[in-house]
Amino acid sequence: MSPTHVAAPATSLKQHQLYASIDSAALRVAVTLPFPAPGHAGLGVRLWWRGSPVTAREVAIGFSRPLQRGMRMQVMKRNGDAYRADVAIRGTGIWEALLRIRAAPHQPRPATVAFLLRVWSATSADLYPLFAPVNGWRSSVSMPFGPYAAQVRVAVGAYGASRFRIQLRAMGTHPTYPPRLRLELTMLDMAMGRTDIAARPAQRGVYTAPAFLSMAGIWGVALQTGGAHAAAALVIGLPQG
């Protein structure tokens, strides 16, 4: 697994790019998280429509612990074509975060982007795109994957028997699709080893794979083929009050 890793100083920052809507790969959201001082992070968000920067009427961010009900949303401050919010980092751990984007171009309804924030220290954290079928969130995620946009869906059965569906949308013309994809499953909140699964084509650009998710918790889902790699987080469990 190799999620986007961000750490102080800001000059070493890497940028994580997510899609604001699983229904439109044309609207992209880039999330950055530099640490200007220990314990303080400056969350930054930028929007693009078909490669050009755009703005929305409002961008808000909310945080909660995994599987907790409810989330307080904070409106981010706009600075040019960027949106920013100060985030206090109190201790280590894992949080779910939700971006809510209102009145973005070509998006008549509010768009949401979920991600998981894993804090290692006062100056270091990992970001994952997140699909979590709790709190009304979607059980799918869309993310950059080499020359494609990969939309990954999962159906989780009552006893852990699950099925992944991956749809690749080519960014260029005359696309070619790989004969198979590889899924890597790991637990992010405990040491449980790694499971490798082959995802095989069901139709052009669409792949499926059975999986067994043995327990509730926070799973890392990595997608690979050739030189392309993408990683996301999947939260499984019942919401807690």
Protein backbone atom coordinates (compact mmCIF):
# COMPACT_ATOMS: atom_id res chain seq x y z
CA MET A 1 0.00 0.00 0.00
CA SER A 2 1.27 3.45 -0.81
CA PRO A 3 -1.23 6.20 -0.05
CA THR A 4 -0.29 9.82 -0.59
CA HIS A 5 1.99 10.79 2.32
CA VAL A 6 2.29 14.39 3.46
CA ALA A 7 4.78 15.68 5.99
CA ALA A 8 6.51 18.86 7.13
CA PRO A 9 8.21 20.89 5.80
CA ALA A 10 5.73 22.14 3.22
CA THR A 11 8.36 21.98 0.48
CA SER A 12 8.15 18.17 0.66
CA LEU A 13 4.37 18.20 0.20
CA LYS A 14 2.75 15.74 -2.18
CA GLN A 15 -0.69 16.48 -3.61
CA HIS A 16 -3.53 13.99 -3.45
CA GLN A 17 -6.16 14.21 -6.17
CA LEU A 18 -9.71 12.92 -5.81
CA TYR A 19 -12.86 13.06 -7.90
CA ALA A 20 -15.73 15.13 -6.52
CA SER A 21 -18.42 12.91 -8.02
CA ILE A 22 -18.48 9.31 -9.09
CA ASP A 23 -20.90 10.40 -11.82
CA SER A 24 -18.52 12.85 -13.51
CA ALA A 25 -14.81 12.21 -13.94
CA ALA A 26 -14.54 15.72 -15.44
CA LEU A 27 -14.78 17.43 -12.02
CA ARG A 28 -11.65 16.82 -9.95
CA VAL A 29 -10.74 17.81 -6.42
CA ALA A 30 -7.15 18.14 -5.19
CA VAL A 31 -6.62 17.96 -1.43
CA THR A 32 -3.35 19.11 0.17
CA LEU A 33 -2.34 18.98 3.83
CA PRO A 34 0.89 20.82 4.69
CA PHE A 35 2.03 21.17 8.30
CA PRO A 36 3.26 24.77 8.84
CA ALA A 37 3.85 23.99 12.54
CA PRO A 38 3.70 20.84 14.70
CA GLY A 39 0.09 20.05 15.58
CA HIS A 40 -1.34 22.40 12.97
CA ALA A 41 -2.26 21.51 9.40
CA GLY A 42 -3.58 23.75 6.63
CA LEU A 43 -6.10 21.78 4.59
CA GLY A 44 -6.26 23.07 1.01
CA VAL A 45 -8.78 22.24 -1.73
CA ARG A 46 -8.79 23.14 -5.42
CA LEU A 47 -11.35 22.25 -8.09
CA TRP A 48 -10.88 21.56 -11.80
CA TRP A 49 -13.38 21.07 -14.60
CA ARG A 50 -11.87 19.37 -17.65
CA GLY A 51 -8.39 20.57 -16.69
CA SER A 52 -9.28 24.20 -15.93
CA PRO A 53 -9.52 25.65 -12.38
CA VAL A 54 -13.04 26.51 -11.26
CA THR A 55 -14.73 27.74 -8.07
CA ALA A 56 -17.88 26.76 -6.19
CA ARG A 57 -20.30 28.79 -4.11
CA GLU A 58 -19.27 26.90 -0.97
CA VAL A 59 -16.85 24.19 0.09
CA ALA A 60 -17.21 22.74 3.60
CA ILE A 61 -15.23 20.10 5.51
CA GLY A 62 -16.21 17.86 8.40
CA PHE A 63 -14.34 15.27 10.49
CA SER A 64 -15.40 12.35 12.66
CA ARG A 65 -13.94 9.19 14.10
CA PRO A 66 -14.63 6.12 11.94
CA LEU A 67 -18.19 4.76 12.28
CA GLN A 68 -19.39 7.64 14.46
CA ARG A 69 -22.78 9.14 13.66
CA GLY A 70 -23.04 12.79 12.75
CA MET A 71 -20.44 15.29 11.61
CA ARG A 72 -20.10 19.04 12.11
CA MET A 73 -19.31 20.84 8.87
CA GLN A 74 -16.99 23.86 8.70
CA VAL A 75 -17.15 26.24 5.72
CA MET A 76 -13.69 26.65 4.21
CA LYS A 77 -12.29 30.11 3.45
CA ARG A 78 -11.84 30.98 -0.20
CA ASN A 79 -8.53 32.45 -1.35
CA GLY A 80 -8.55 32.99 -5.12
CA ASP A 81 -9.35 29.61 -6.68
CA ALA A 82 -8.39 27.70 -3.51
CA TYR A 83 -10.27 26.87 -0.32
CA ARG A 84 -8.51 26.54 3.02
CA ALA A 85 -9.21 25.47 6.60
CA ASP A 86 -6.96 25.23 9.65
CA VAL A 87 -6.94 21.77 11.24
CA ALA A 88 -5.65 21.17 14.76
CA ILE A 89 -3.90 17.79 15.04
CA ARG A 90 -4.44 16.46 18.57
CA GLY A 91 -2.73 13.12 18.93
CA THR A 92 -2.44 10.27 16.49
CA GLY A 93 -5.22 8.15 15.03
CA ILE A 94 -7.66 7.79 12.16
CA TRP A 95 -10.45 10.16 11.10
CA GLU A 96 -13.04 10.16 8.35
CA ALA A 97 -13.44 13.45 6.50
CA LEU A 98 -16.15 14.66 4.16
CA LEU A 99 -15.93 17.52 1.66
CA ARG A 100 -19.24 19.06 0.59
CA ILE A 101 -19.12 21.16 -2.57
CA ARG A 102 -22.11 23.36 -3.43
CA ALA A 103 -22.87 25.00 -6.78
CA ALA A 104 -19.78 23.82 -8.62
CA PRO A 105 -19.85 24.21 -12.43
CA HIS A 106 -21.94 21.54 -14.17
CA GLN A 107 -22.97 20.09 -10.78
CA PRO A 108 -26.61 21.07 -10.06
CA ARG A 109 -26.62 19.12 -6.79
CA PRO A 110 -24.05 19.27 -3.97
CA ALA A 111 -21.12 16.93 -4.59
CA THR A 112 -19.32 15.11 -1.80
CA VAL A 113 -15.84 13.63 -1.51
CA ALA A 114 -14.90 11.38 1.41
CA PHE A 115 -11.36 10.62 2.50
CA LEU A 116 -9.60 9.02 5.42
CA LEU A 117 -6.93 10.90 7.39
CA ARG A 118 -4.40 8.75 9.22
CA VAL A 119 -2.26 10.87 11.55
CA TRP A 120 1.11 9.41 12.50
CA SER A 121 2.53 12.38 14.44
CA ALA A 122 2.15 16.14 14.87
CA THR A 123 3.84 16.64 11.49
CA SER A 124 2.92 13.58 9.43
CA ALA A 125 -0.26 12.04 8.00
CA ASP A 126 -1.56 9.85 5.17
CA LEU A 127 -4.58 10.59 2.97
CA TYR A 128 -6.74 7.92 1.33
CA PRO A 129 -9.85 8.26 -0.83
CA LEU A 130 -12.61 6.67 1.24
CA PHE A 131 -15.67 4.61 0.60
CA ALA A 132 -17.65 3.92 3.73
CA PRO A 133 -21.23 2.57 3.55
CA VAL A 134 -22.17 4.36 6.80
CA ASN A 135 -23.75 7.77 7.53
CA GLY A 136 -25.40 7.67 4.11
CA TRP A 137 -22.09 7.73 2.22
CA ARG A 138 -21.61 5.82 -1.02
CA SER A 139 -20.03 2.40 -1.09
CA SER A 140 -17.88 3.42 -4.06
CA VAL A 141 -14.94 5.68 -4.82
CA SER A 142 -13.52 7.25 -7.98
CA MET A 143 -9.81 8.03 -8.22
CA PRO A 144 -6.98 8.63 -10.72
CA PHE A 145 -5.38 5.42 -11.95
CA GLY A 146 -2.67 5.97 -14.53
CA PRO A 147 -4.36 6.98 -17.82
CA TYR A 148 -7.78 6.08 -16.39
CA ALA A 149 -10.32 7.14 -13.81
CA ALA A 150 -11.07 4.05 -11.73
CA GLN A 151 -14.51 3.76 -10.18
CA VAL A 152 -14.43 1.04 -7.53
CA ARG A 153 -17.62 -0.33 -5.96
CA VAL A 154 -17.96 -2.99 -3.30
CA ALA A 155 -20.92 -5.05 -2.13
CA VAL A 156 -20.24 -6.44 1.35
CA GLY A 157 -22.19 -9.52 2.43
CA ALA A 158 -23.39 -10.32 5.94
CA TYR A 159 -20.56 -12.76 6.66
CA GLY A 160 -17.74 -10.98 4.84
CA ALA A 161 -18.29 -12.48 1.37
CA SER A 162 -17.88 -9.46 -0.90
CA ARG A 163 -17.57 -8.51 -4.56
CA PHE A 164 -15.59 -5.67 -6.07
CA ARG A 165 -16.50 -4.03 -9.37
CA ILE A 166 -13.94 -1.76 -11.04
CA GLN A 167 -14.82 0.37 -14.04
CA LEU A 168 -11.99 2.13 -15.90
CA ARG A 169 -12.75 5.32 -17.82
CA ALA A 170 -9.97 6.22 -20.23
CA MET A 171 -8.86 9.87 -20.23
CA GLY A 172 -7.72 9.79 -23.88
CA THR A 173 -9.11 8.60 -27.20
CA HIS A 174 -8.78 5.06 -28.57
CA PRO A 175 -8.28 3.47 -25.13
CA THR A 176 -6.81 0.05 -24.51
CA TYR A 177 -7.62 -1.83 -21.35
CA PRO A 178 -5.41 -4.26 -19.40
CA PRO A 179 -6.34 -7.97 -19.48
CA ARG A 180 -6.63 -8.05 -15.69
CA LEU A 181 -6.15 -5.95 -12.56
CA ARG A 182 -4.73 -6.81 -9.15
CA LEU A 183 -6.38 -5.91 -5.86
CA GLU A 184 -4.41 -5.81 -2.61
CA LEU A 185 -6.39 -5.90 0.64
CA THR A 186 -4.85 -5.01 4.02
CA MET A 187 -6.16 -3.90 7.41
CA LEU A 188 -5.08 -0.33 8.17
CA ASP A 189 -5.92 -0.41 11.87
CA MET A 190 -4.20 -3.71 12.74
CA ALA A 191 -1.53 -6.08 11.41
CA MET A 192 -3.33 -8.82 9.47
CA GLY A 193 -1.11 -9.41 6.44
CA ARG A 194 -2.06 -8.85 2.80
CA THR A 195 -4.45 -10.58 0.41
CA ASP A 196 -3.85 -10.41 -3.36
CA ILE A 197 -6.85 -10.90 -5.66
CA ALA A 198 -7.08 -10.97 -9.47
CA ALA A 199 -9.86 -8.84 -10.94
CA ARG A 200 -10.93 -10.25 -14.30
CA PRO A 201 -12.79 -8.50 -17.13
CA ALA A 202 -16.58 -8.78 -17.16
CA GLN A 203 -16.96 -6.47 -20.16
CA ARG A 204 -14.85 -3.83 -21.89
CA GLY A 205 -13.27 -1.65 -19.19
CA VAL A 206 -15.15 -3.39 -16.35
CA TYR A 207 -13.57 -5.91 -13.95
CA THR A 208 -14.95 -7.94 -11.06
CA ALA A 209 -13.35 -9.83 -8.20
CA PRO A 210 -14.73 -11.85 -5.26
CA ALA A 211 -13.20 -11.14 -1.86
CA PHE A 212 -13.56 -12.14 1.76
CA LEU A 213 -13.42 -9.29 4.28
CA SER A 214 -12.97 -11.25 7.47
CA MET A 215 -13.85 -8.57 10.03
CA ALA A 216 -15.17 -5.08 10.58
CA GLY A 217 -12.62 -2.30 10.58
CA ILE A 218 -10.63 -0.12 8.21
CA TRP A 219 -9.40 -1.88 5.09
CA GLY A 220 -6.86 -0.64 2.59
CA VAL A 221 -7.77 -1.38 -1.03
CA ALA A 222 -4.95 -0.99 -3.57
CA LEU A 223 -5.44 -1.32 -7.31
CA GLN A 224 -2.52 -2.15 -9.63
CA THR A 225 -1.74 -2.93 -13.24
CA GLY A 226 1.54 -2.32 -15.04
CA GLY A 227 2.88 1.00 -13.75
CA ALA A 228 -0.51 2.31 -12.56
CA HIS A 229 -1.33 2.28 -8.84
CA ALA A 230 -4.13 3.71 -6.70
CA ALA A 231 -5.07 3.18 -3.06
CA ALA A 232 -8.25 3.82 -1.09
CA ALA A 233 -9.70 3.00 2.32
CA LEU A 234 -12.89 1.05 3.04
CA VAL A 235 -14.60 1.27 6.44
CA ILE A 236 -16.81 -1.69 7.37
CA GLY A 237 -19.00 -1.80 10.46
CA LEU A 238 -22.13 -0.42 12.09
CA PRO A 239 -22.34 3.32 12.86
CA GLN A 240 -21.77 4.12 16.52
CA GLY A 241 -23.85 6.69 18.37
